[in-house]
Amino acid sequence: MNMDTDLIGTLADLGGTLASLGFAGWLIIHLLRLQTTERADWMAKDTDNDKALQDLIGKTNERSSKMEESVTLLTEVLRRFETKLDTIK
């Protein structure tokens, strides 16, 4: 009878240990799957943000070019105005 009791005790101890190991394994796999999903979500957001940034850079370059043209035109107008003033004196 002592051997039966020892066997039952050993099985009870192993059952708790195996259950703990099984839960730990499941938790690790679950967290890895969540991490994979989260990484995919962040990559999608990052791609969207990259596209928005590229659009913003393109618009900024376009406006900068237009401003440069305006400054060039204004400089030319001022130069002509100065020339006209010099001829009037």
PDB file of N, CA and C in Angstrom:
ATOM      1  N   MET A   1       0.816  -1.193   0.000  1.00  0.00           N
ATOM      2  CA  MET A   1       0.000   0.000   0.000  1.00  0.00           C
ATOM      3  C   MET A   1       0.861   1.259   0.000  1.00  0.00           C
ATOM      4  N   ASN A   2       1.988   1.238   0.637  1.00  0.00           N
ATOM      5  CA  ASN A   2       2.861   2.388   0.692  1.00  0.00           C
ATOM      6  C   ASN A   2       3.346   2.749  -0.702  1.00  0.00           C
ATOM      7  N   MET A   3       3.605   1.727  -1.528  1.00  0.00           N
ATOM      8  CA  MET A   3       4.049   1.962  -2.886  1.00  0.00           C
ATOM      9  C   MET A   3       2.942   2.602  -3.711  1.00  0.00           C
ATOM     10  N   ASP A   4       1.703   2.202  -3.521  1.00  0.00           N
ATOM     11  CA  ASP A   4       0.573   2.804  -4.237  1.00  0.00           C
ATOM     12  C   ASP A   4       0.428   4.277  -3.865  1.00  0.00           C
ATOM     13  N   THR A   5       0.596   4.587  -2.624  1.00  0.00           N
ATOM     14  CA  THR A   5       0.488   5.968  -2.157  1.00  0.00           C
ATOM     15  C   THR A   5       1.612   6.816  -2.739  1.00  0.00           C
ATOM     16  N   ASP A   6       2.810   6.250  -2.766  1.00  0.00           N
ATOM     17  CA  ASP A   6       3.949   6.970  -3.346  1.00  0.00           C
ATOM     18  C   ASP A   6       3.734   7.205  -4.835  1.00  0.00           C
ATOM     19  N   LEU A   7       3.213   6.225  -5.536  1.00  0.00           N
ATOM     20  CA  LEU A   7       2.944   6.347  -6.970  1.00  0.00           C
ATOM     21  C   LEU A   7       1.904   7.426  -7.230  1.00  0.00           C
ATOM     22  N   ILE A   8       0.855   7.438  -6.456  1.00  0.00           N
ATOM     23  CA  ILE A   8      -0.199   8.441  -6.611  1.00  0.00           C
ATOM     24  C   ILE A   8       0.356   9.835  -6.309  1.00  0.00           C
ATOM     25  N   GLY A   9       1.163   9.956  -5.280  1.00  0.00           N
ATOM     26  CA  GLY A   9       1.783  11.239  -4.932  1.00  0.00           C
ATOM     27  C   GLY A   9       2.705  11.733  -6.037  1.00  0.00           C
ATOM     28  N   THR A  10       3.494  10.825  -6.595  1.00  0.00           N
ATOM     29  CA  THR A  10       4.402  11.179  -7.691  1.00  0.00           C
ATOM     30  C   THR A  10       3.618  11.633  -8.911  1.00  0.00           C
ATOM     31  N   LEU A  11       2.565  10.884  -9.245  1.00  0.00           N
ATOM     32  CA  LEU A  11       1.725  11.282 -10.389  1.00  0.00           C
ATOM     33  C   LEU A  11       1.056  12.627 -10.148  1.00  0.00           C
ATOM     34  N   ALA A  12       0.640  12.892  -8.929  1.00  0.00           N
ATOM     35  CA  ALA A  12       0.017  14.179  -8.609  1.00  0.00           C
ATOM     36  C   ALA A  12       1.032  15.311  -8.762  1.00  0.00           C
ATOM     37  N   ASP A  13       2.256  15.068  -8.286  1.00  0.00           N
ATOM     38  CA  ASP A  13       3.308  16.086  -8.431  1.00  0.00           C
ATOM     39  C   ASP A  13       3.640  16.321  -9.899  1.00  0.00           C
ATOM     40  N   LEU A  14       3.777  15.248 -10.653  1.00  0.00           N
ATOM     41  CA  LEU A  14       4.075  15.388 -12.087  1.00  0.00           C
ATOM     42  C   LEU A  14       2.931  16.053 -12.834  1.00  0.00           C
ATOM     43  N   GLY A  15       1.709  15.779 -12.446  1.00  0.00           N
ATOM     44  CA  GLY A  15       0.558  16.389 -13.120  1.00  0.00           C
ATOM     45  C   GLY A  15       0.575  17.900 -12.990  1.00  0.00           C
ATOM     46  N   GLY A  16       0.869  18.390 -11.782  1.00  0.00           N
ATOM     47  CA  GLY A  16       0.946  19.836 -11.574  1.00  0.00           C
ATOM     48  C   GLY A  16       2.086  20.458 -12.345  1.00  0.00           C
ATOM     49  N   THR A  17       3.207  19.768 -12.360  1.00  0.00           N
ATOM     50  CA  THR A  17       4.383  20.261 -13.093  1.00  0.00           C
ATOM     51  C   THR A  17       4.105  20.275 -14.594  1.00  0.00           C
ATOM     52  N   LEU A  18       3.532  19.182 -15.092  1.00  0.00           N
ATOM     53  CA  LEU A  18       3.227  19.121 -16.527  1.00  0.00           C
ATOM     54  C   LEU A  18       2.167  20.146 -16.920  1.00  0.00           C
ATOM     55  N   ALA A  19       1.188  20.349 -16.054  1.00  0.00           N
ATOM     56  CA  ALA A  19       0.169  21.358 -16.341  1.00  0.00           C
ATOM     57  C   ALA A  19       0.807  22.750 -16.391  1.00  0.00           C
ATOM     58  N   SER A  20       1.711  23.033 -15.476  1.00  0.00           N
ATOM     59  CA  SER A  20       2.409  24.326 -15.459  1.00  0.00           C
ATOM     60  C   SER A  20       3.251  24.505 -16.713  1.00  0.00           C
ATOM     61  N   LEU A  21       3.973  23.452 -17.093  1.00  0.00           N
ATOM     62  CA  LEU A  21       4.779  23.509 -18.311  1.00  0.00           C
ATOM     63  C   LEU A  21       3.912  23.682 -19.555  1.00  0.00           C
ATOM     64  N   GLY A  22       2.801  22.974 -19.577  1.00  0.00           N
ATOM     65  CA  GLY A  22       1.879  23.102 -20.711  1.00  0.00           C
ATOM     66  C   GLY A  22       1.322  24.512 -20.816  1.00  0.00           C
ATOM     67  N   PHE A  23       0.924  25.089 -19.681  1.00  0.00           N
ATOM     68  CA  PHE A  23       0.404  26.454 -19.684  1.00  0.00           C
ATOM     69  C   PHE A  23       1.478  27.440 -20.115  1.00  0.00           C
ATOM     70  N   ALA A  24       2.701  27.269 -19.624  1.00  0.00           N
ATOM     71  CA  ALA A  24       3.803  28.160 -20.001  1.00  0.00           C
ATOM     72  C   ALA A  24       4.062  28.072 -21.505  1.00  0.00           C
ATOM     73  N   GLY A  25       4.050  26.858 -22.052  1.00  0.00           N
ATOM     74  CA  GLY A  25       4.233  26.692 -23.498  1.00  0.00           C
ATOM     75  C   GLY A  25       3.131  27.358 -24.291  1.00  0.00           C
ATOM     76  N   TRP A  26       1.892  27.176 -23.851  1.00  0.00           N
ATOM     77  CA  TRP A  26       0.760  27.806 -24.535  1.00  0.00           C
ATOM     78  C   TRP A  26       0.880  29.328 -24.469  1.00  0.00           C
ATOM     79  N   LEU A  27       1.270  29.853 -23.319  1.00  0.00           N
ATOM     80  CA  LEU A  27       1.402  31.296 -23.139  1.00  0.00           C
ATOM     81  C   LEU A  27       2.471  31.866 -24.065  1.00  0.00           C
ATOM     82  N   ILE A  28       3.589  31.168 -24.173  1.00  0.00           N
ATOM     83  CA  ILE A  28       4.660  31.620 -25.070  1.00  0.00           C
ATOM     84  C   ILE A  28       4.173  31.657 -26.510  1.00  0.00           C
ATOM     85  N   ILE A  29       3.514  30.602 -26.952  1.00  0.00           N
ATOM     86  CA  ILE A  29       3.000  30.561 -28.332  1.00  0.00           C
ATOM     87  C   ILE A  29       1.962  31.651 -28.550  1.00  0.00           C
ATOM     88  N   HIS A  30       1.081  31.848 -27.593  1.00  0.00           N
ATOM     89  CA  HIS A  30       0.047  32.887 -27.700  1.00  0.00           C
ATOM     90  C   HIS A  30       0.684  34.276 -27.811  1.00  0.00           C
ATOM     91  N   LEU A  31       1.688  34.548 -26.971  1.00  0.00           N
ATOM     92  CA  LEU A  31       2.350  35.853 -27.010  1.00  0.00           C
ATOM     93  C   LEU A  31       3.112  36.061 -28.316  1.00  0.00           C
ATOM     94  N   LEU A  32       3.723  35.017 -28.837  1.00  0.00           N
ATOM     95  CA  LEU A  32       4.422  35.122 -30.119  1.00  0.00           C
ATOM     96  C   LEU A  32       3.441  35.432 -31.258  1.00  0.00           C
ATOM     97  N   ARG A  33       2.277  34.806 -31.223  1.00  0.00           N
ATOM     98  CA  ARG A  33       1.259  35.091 -32.250  1.00  0.00           C
ATOM     99  C   ARG A  33       0.768  36.528 -32.142  1.00  0.00           C
ATOM    100  N   LEU A  34       0.556  36.989 -30.914  1.00  0.00           N
ATOM    101  CA  LEU A  34       0.137  38.383 -30.721  1.00  0.00           C
ATOM    102  C   LEU A  34       1.205  39.352 -31.217  1.00  0.00           C
ATOM    103  N   GLN A  35       2.460  39.027 -30.944  1.00  0.00           N
ATOM    104  CA  GLN A  35       3.554  39.877 -31.387  1.00  0.00           C
ATOM    105  C   GLN A  35       3.614  39.939 -32.913  1.00  0.00           C
ATOM    106  N   THR A  36       3.393  38.806 -33.567  1.00  0.00           N
ATOM    107  CA  THR A  36       3.400  38.769 -35.029  1.00  0.00           C
ATOM    108  C   THR A  36       2.281  39.636 -35.589  1.00  0.00           C
ATOM    109  N   THR A  37       1.095  39.547 -35.001  1.00  0.00           N
ATOM    110  CA  THR A  37      -0.031  40.368 -35.441  1.00  0.00           C
ATOM    111  C   THR A  37       0.254  41.850 -35.207  1.00  0.00           C
ATOM    112  N   GLU A  38       0.786  42.160 -34.032  1.00  0.00           N
ATOM    113  CA  GLU A  38       1.092  43.550 -33.706  1.00  0.00           C
ATOM    114  C   GLU A  38       2.152  44.107 -34.657  1.00  0.00           C
ATOM    115  N   ARG A  39       3.158  43.309 -34.965  1.00  0.00           N
ATOM    116  CA  ARG A  39       4.208  43.755 -35.885  1.00  0.00           C
ATOM    117  C   ARG A  39       3.632  44.023 -37.269  1.00  0.00           C
ATOM    118  N   ALA A  40       2.727  43.170 -37.734  1.00  0.00           N
ATOM    119  CA  ALA A  40       2.092  43.388 -39.042  1.00  0.00           C
ATOM    120  C   ALA A  40       1.280  44.671 -39.032  1.00  0.00           C
ATOM    121  N   ASP A  41       0.569  44.937 -37.934  1.00  0.00           N
ATOM    122  CA  ASP A  41      -0.205  46.179 -37.825  1.00  0.00           C
ATOM    123  C   ASP A  41       0.707  47.398 -37.860  1.00  0.00           C
ATOM    124  N   TRP A  42       1.821  47.338 -37.126  1.00  0.00           N
ATOM    125  CA  TRP A  42       2.747  48.466 -37.108  1.00  0.00           C
ATOM    126  C   TRP A  42       3.387  48.675 -38.479  1.00  0.00           C
ATOM    127  N   MET A  43       3.681  47.593 -39.167  1.00  0.00           N
ATOM    128  CA  MET A  43       4.266  47.727 -40.508  1.00  0.00           C
ATOM    129  C   MET A  43       3.281  48.383 -41.469  1.00  0.00           C
ATOM    130  N   ALA A  44       2.004  48.031 -41.358  1.00  0.00           N
ATOM    131  CA  ALA A  44       0.980  48.661 -42.207  1.00  0.00           C
ATOM    132  C   ALA A  44       0.879  50.147 -41.892  1.00  0.00           C
ATOM    133  N   LYS A  45       0.870  50.489 -40.611  1.00  0.00           N
ATOM    134  CA  LYS A  45       0.818  51.903 -40.223  1.00  0.00           C
ATOM    135  C   LYS A  45       2.066  52.633 -40.702  1.00  0.00           C
ATOM    136  N   ASP A  46       3.212  51.984 -40.581  1.00  0.00           N
ATOM    137  CA  ASP A  46       4.466  52.592 -41.000  1.00  0.00           C
ATOM    138  C   ASP A  46       4.467  52.849 -42.502  1.00  0.00           C
ATOM    139  N   THR A  47       3.939  51.902 -43.263  1.00  0.00           N
ATOM    140  CA  THR A  47       3.850  52.071 -44.712  1.00  0.00           C
ATOM    141  C   THR A  47       2.935  53.248 -45.057  1.00  0.00           C
ATOM    142  N   ASP A  48       1.803  53.343 -44.371  1.00  0.00           N
ATOM    143  CA  ASP A  48       0.889  54.467 -44.598  1.00  0.00           C
ATOM    144  C   ASP A  48       1.557  55.792 -44.248  1.00  0.00           C
ATOM    145  N   ASN A  49       2.269  55.819 -43.132  1.00  0.00           N
ATOM    146  CA  ASN A  49       2.962  57.047 -42.722  1.00  0.00           C
ATOM    147  C   ASN A  49       4.075  57.417 -43.696  1.00  0.00           C
ATOM    148  N   ASP A  50       4.783  56.416 -44.217  1.00  0.00           N
ATOM    149  CA  ASP A  50       5.827  56.681 -45.211  1.00  0.00           C
ATOM    150  C   ASP A  50       5.231  57.306 -46.465  1.00  0.00           C
ATOM    151  N   LYS A  51       4.085  56.793 -46.909  1.00  0.00           N
ATOM    152  CA  LYS A  51       3.435  57.349 -48.098  1.00  0.00           C
ATOM    153  C   LYS A  51       2.985  58.781 -47.847  1.00  0.00           C
ATOM    154  N   ALA A  52       2.412  59.039 -46.669  1.00  0.00           N
ATOM    155  CA  ALA A  52       1.984  60.393 -46.332  1.00  0.00           C
ATOM    156  C   ALA A  52       3.179  61.344 -46.285  1.00  0.00           C
ATOM    157  N   LEU A  53       4.293  60.875 -45.754  1.00  0.00           N
ATOM    158  CA  LEU A  53       5.495  61.704 -45.687  1.00  0.00           C
ATOM    159  C   LEU A  53       6.037  61.994 -47.086  1.00  0.00           C
ATOM    160  N   GLN A  54       6.017  61.004 -47.952  1.00  0.00           N
ATOM    161  CA  GLN A  54       6.471  61.218 -49.327  1.00  0.00           C
ATOM    162  C   GLN A  54       5.583  62.235 -50.038  1.00  0.00           C
ATOM    163  N   ASP A  55       4.273  62.145 -49.821  1.00  0.00           N
ATOM    164  CA  ASP A  55       3.357  63.120 -50.412  1.00  0.00           C
ATOM    165  C   ASP A  55       3.652  64.523 -49.888  1.00  0.00           C
ATOM    166  N   LEU A  56       3.876  64.636 -48.591  1.00  0.00           N
ATOM    167  CA  LEU A  56       4.181  65.926 -47.974  1.00  0.00           C
ATOM    168  C   LEU A  56       5.477  66.501 -48.526  1.00  0.00           C
ATOM    169  N   ILE A  57       6.481  65.671 -48.676  1.00  0.00           N
ATOM    170  CA  ILE A  57       7.755  66.133 -49.230  1.00  0.00           C
ATOM    171  C   ILE A  57       7.564  66.611 -50.665  1.00  0.00           C
ATOM    172  N   GLY A  58       6.786  65.857 -51.441  1.00  0.00           N
ATOM    173  CA  GLY A  58       6.525  66.256 -52.821  1.00  0.00           C
ATOM    174  C   GLY A  58       5.814  67.600 -52.893  1.00  0.00           C
ATOM    175  N   LYS A  59       4.800  67.796 -52.047  1.00  0.00           N
ATOM    176  CA  LYS A  59       4.076  69.070 -52.036  1.00  0.00           C
ATOM    177  C   LYS A  59       4.978  70.212 -51.573  1.00  0.00           C
ATOM    178  N   THR A  60       5.822  69.933 -50.594  1.00  0.00           N
ATOM    179  CA  THR A  60       6.740  70.960 -50.098  1.00  0.00           C
ATOM    180  C   THR A  60       7.724  71.365 -51.183  1.00  0.00           C
ATOM    181  N   ASN A  61       8.258  70.396 -51.906  1.00  0.00           N
ATOM    182  CA  ASN A  61       9.179  70.707 -53.004  1.00  0.00           C
ATOM    183  C   ASN A  61       8.490  71.512 -54.091  1.00  0.00           C
ATOM    184  N   GLU A  62       7.258  71.155 -54.390  1.00  0.00           N
ATOM    185  CA  GLU A  62       6.497  71.873 -55.415  1.00  0.00           C
ATOM    186  C   GLU A  62       6.272  73.330 -54.996  1.00  0.00           C
ATOM    187  N   ARG A  63       5.865  73.530 -53.752  1.00  0.00           N
ATOM    188  CA  ARG A  63       5.628  74.892 -53.259  1.00  0.00           C
ATOM    189  C   ARG A  63       6.922  75.679 -53.167  1.00  0.00           C
ATOM    190  N   SER A  64       7.984  75.021 -52.781  1.00  0.00           N
ATOM    191  CA  SER A  64       9.286  75.683 -52.716  1.00  0.00           C
ATOM    192  C   SER A  64       9.719  76.143 -54.102  1.00  0.00           C
ATOM    193  N   SER A  65       9.480  75.318 -55.094  1.00  0.00           N
ATOM    194  CA  SER A  65       9.815  75.680 -56.468  1.00  0.00           C
ATOM    195  C   SER A  65       8.992  76.881 -56.927  1.00  0.00           C
ATOM    196  N   LYS A  66       7.703  76.884 -56.587  1.00  0.00           N
ATOM    197  CA  LYS A  66       6.852  78.019 -56.948  1.00  0.00           C
ATOM    198  C   LYS A  66       7.303  79.288 -56.240  1.00  0.00           C
ATOM    199  N   MET A  67       7.720  79.157 -54.973  1.00  0.00           N
ATOM    200  CA  MET A  67       8.208  80.322 -54.248  1.00  0.00           C
ATOM    201  C   MET A  67       9.497  80.842 -54.880  1.00  0.00           C
ATOM    202  N   GLU A  68      10.348  79.939 -55.308  1.00  0.00           N
ATOM    203  CA  GLU A  68      11.592  80.339 -55.965  1.00  0.00           C
ATOM    204  C   GLU A  68      11.294  81.097 -57.258  1.00  0.00           C
ATOM    205  N   GLU A  69      10.319  80.627 -58.018  1.00  0.00           N
ATOM    206  CA  GLU A  69       9.912  81.316 -59.241  1.00  0.00           C
ATOM    207  C   GLU A  69       9.366  82.708 -58.914  1.00  0.00           C
ATOM    208  N   SER A  70       8.583  82.803 -57.844  1.00  0.00           N
ATOM    209  CA  SER A  70       8.018  84.085 -57.439  1.00  0.00           C
ATOM    210  C   SER A  70       9.106  85.062 -57.025  1.00  0.00           C
ATOM    211  N   VAL A  71      10.093  84.562 -56.282  1.00  0.00           N
ATOM    212  CA  VAL A  71      11.204  85.417 -55.851  1.00  0.00           C
ATOM    213  C   VAL A  71      11.995  85.886 -57.063  1.00  0.00           C
ATOM    214  N   THR A  72      12.226  84.999 -58.007  1.00  0.00           N
ATOM    215  CA  THR A  72      12.947  85.367 -59.224  1.00  0.00           C
ATOM    216  C   THR A  72      12.172  86.430 -59.996  1.00  0.00           C
ATOM    217  N   LEU A  73      10.874  86.232 -60.120  1.00  0.00           N
ATOM    218  CA  LEU A  73      10.031  87.203 -60.822  1.00  0.00           C
ATOM    219  C   LEU A  73      10.017  88.538 -60.094  1.00  0.00           C
ATOM    220  N   LEU A  74       9.892  88.518 -58.791  1.00  0.00           N
ATOM    221  CA  LEU A  74       9.877  89.747 -57.997  1.00  0.00           C
ATOM    222  C   LEU A  74      11.222  90.467 -58.095  1.00  0.00           C
ATOM    223  N   THR A  75      12.309  89.720 -58.089  1.00  0.00           N
ATOM    224  CA  THR A  75      13.638  90.313 -58.246  1.00  0.00           C
ATOM    225  C   THR A  75      13.756  91.004 -59.601  1.00  0.00           C
ATOM    226  N   GLU A  76      13.239  90.367 -60.630  1.00  0.00           N
ATOM    227  CA  GLU A  76      13.274  90.958 -61.971  1.00  0.00           C
ATOM    228  C   GLU A  76      12.437  92.236 -62.034  1.00  0.00           C
ATOM    229  N   VAL A  77      11.261  92.203 -61.396  1.00  0.00           N
ATOM    230  CA  VAL A  77      10.397  93.391 -61.377  1.00  0.00           C
ATOM    231  C   VAL A  77      11.097  94.531 -60.633  1.00  0.00           C
ATOM    232  N   LEU A  78      11.704  94.228 -59.506  1.00  0.00           N
ATOM    233  CA  LEU A  78      12.420  95.255 -58.739  1.00  0.00           C
ATOM    234  C   LEU A  78      13.612  95.806 -59.517  1.00  0.00           C
ATOM    235  N   ARG A  79      14.319  94.926 -60.216  1.00  0.00           N
ATOM    236  CA  ARG A  79      15.449  95.380 -61.035  1.00  0.00           C
ATOM    237  C   ARG A  79      14.979  96.329 -62.125  1.00  0.00           C
ATOM    238  N   ARG A  80      13.865  95.991 -62.791  1.00  0.00           N
ATOM    239  CA  ARG A  80      13.318  96.869 -63.840  1.00  0.00           C
ATOM    240  C   ARG A  80      12.827  98.192 -63.244  1.00  0.00           C
ATOM    241  N   PHE A  81      12.213  98.108 -62.073  1.00  0.00           N
ATOM    242  CA  PHE A  81      11.724  99.312 -61.413  1.00  0.00           C
ATOM    243  C   PHE A  81      12.905 100.217 -61.047  1.00  0.00           C
ATOM    244  N   GLU A  82      13.991  99.625 -60.564  1.00  0.00           N
ATOM    245  CA  GLU A  82      15.185 100.398 -60.217  1.00  0.00           C
ATOM    246  C   GLU A  82      15.788 101.043 -61.460  1.00  0.00           C
ATOM    247  N   THR A  83      15.818 100.260 -62.552  1.00  0.00           N
ATOM    248  CA  THR A  83      16.342 100.784 -63.792  1.00  0.00           C
ATOM    249  C   THR A  83      15.480 101.967 -64.279  1.00  0.00           C
ATOM    250  N   LYS A  84      14.191 101.817 -64.156  1.00  0.00           N
ATOM    251  CA  LYS A  84      13.263 102.874 -64.585  1.00  0.00           C
ATOM    252  C   LYS A  84      13.471 104.128 -63.724  1.00  0.00           C
ATOM    253  N   LEU A  85      13.653 103.935 -62.421  1.00  0.00           N
ATOM    254  CA  LEU A  85      13.892 105.072 -61.525  1.00  0.00           C
ATOM    255  C   LEU A  85      15.191 105.770 -61.856  1.00  0.00           C
ATOM    256  N   ASP A  86      16.214 104.989 -62.232  1.00  0.00           N
ATOM    257  CA  ASP A  86      17.518 105.583 -62.595  1.00  0.00           C
ATOM    258  C   ASP A  86      17.401 106.413 -63.869  1.00  0.00           C
ATOM    259  N   THR A  87      16.585 105.984 -64.797  1.00  0.00           N
ATOM    260  CA  THR A  87      16.428 106.749 -66.045  1.00  0.00           C
ATOM    261  C   THR A  87      15.625 108.026 -65.827  1.00  0.00           C
ATOM    262  N   ILE A  88      14.753 108.051 -64.848  1.00  0.00           N
ATOM    263  CA  ILE A  88      13.941 109.227 -64.560  1.00  0.00           C
ATOM    264  C   ILE A  88      14.800 110.299 -63.884  1.00  0.00           C
ATOM    265  N   LYS A  89      15.772 109.953 -63.115  1.00  0.00           N
ATOM    266  CA  LYS A  89      16.610 110.919 -62.397  1.00  0.00           C
ATOM    267  C   LYS A  89      17.407 111.675 -63.342  1.00  0.00           C
TER     268      LYS A  89
END
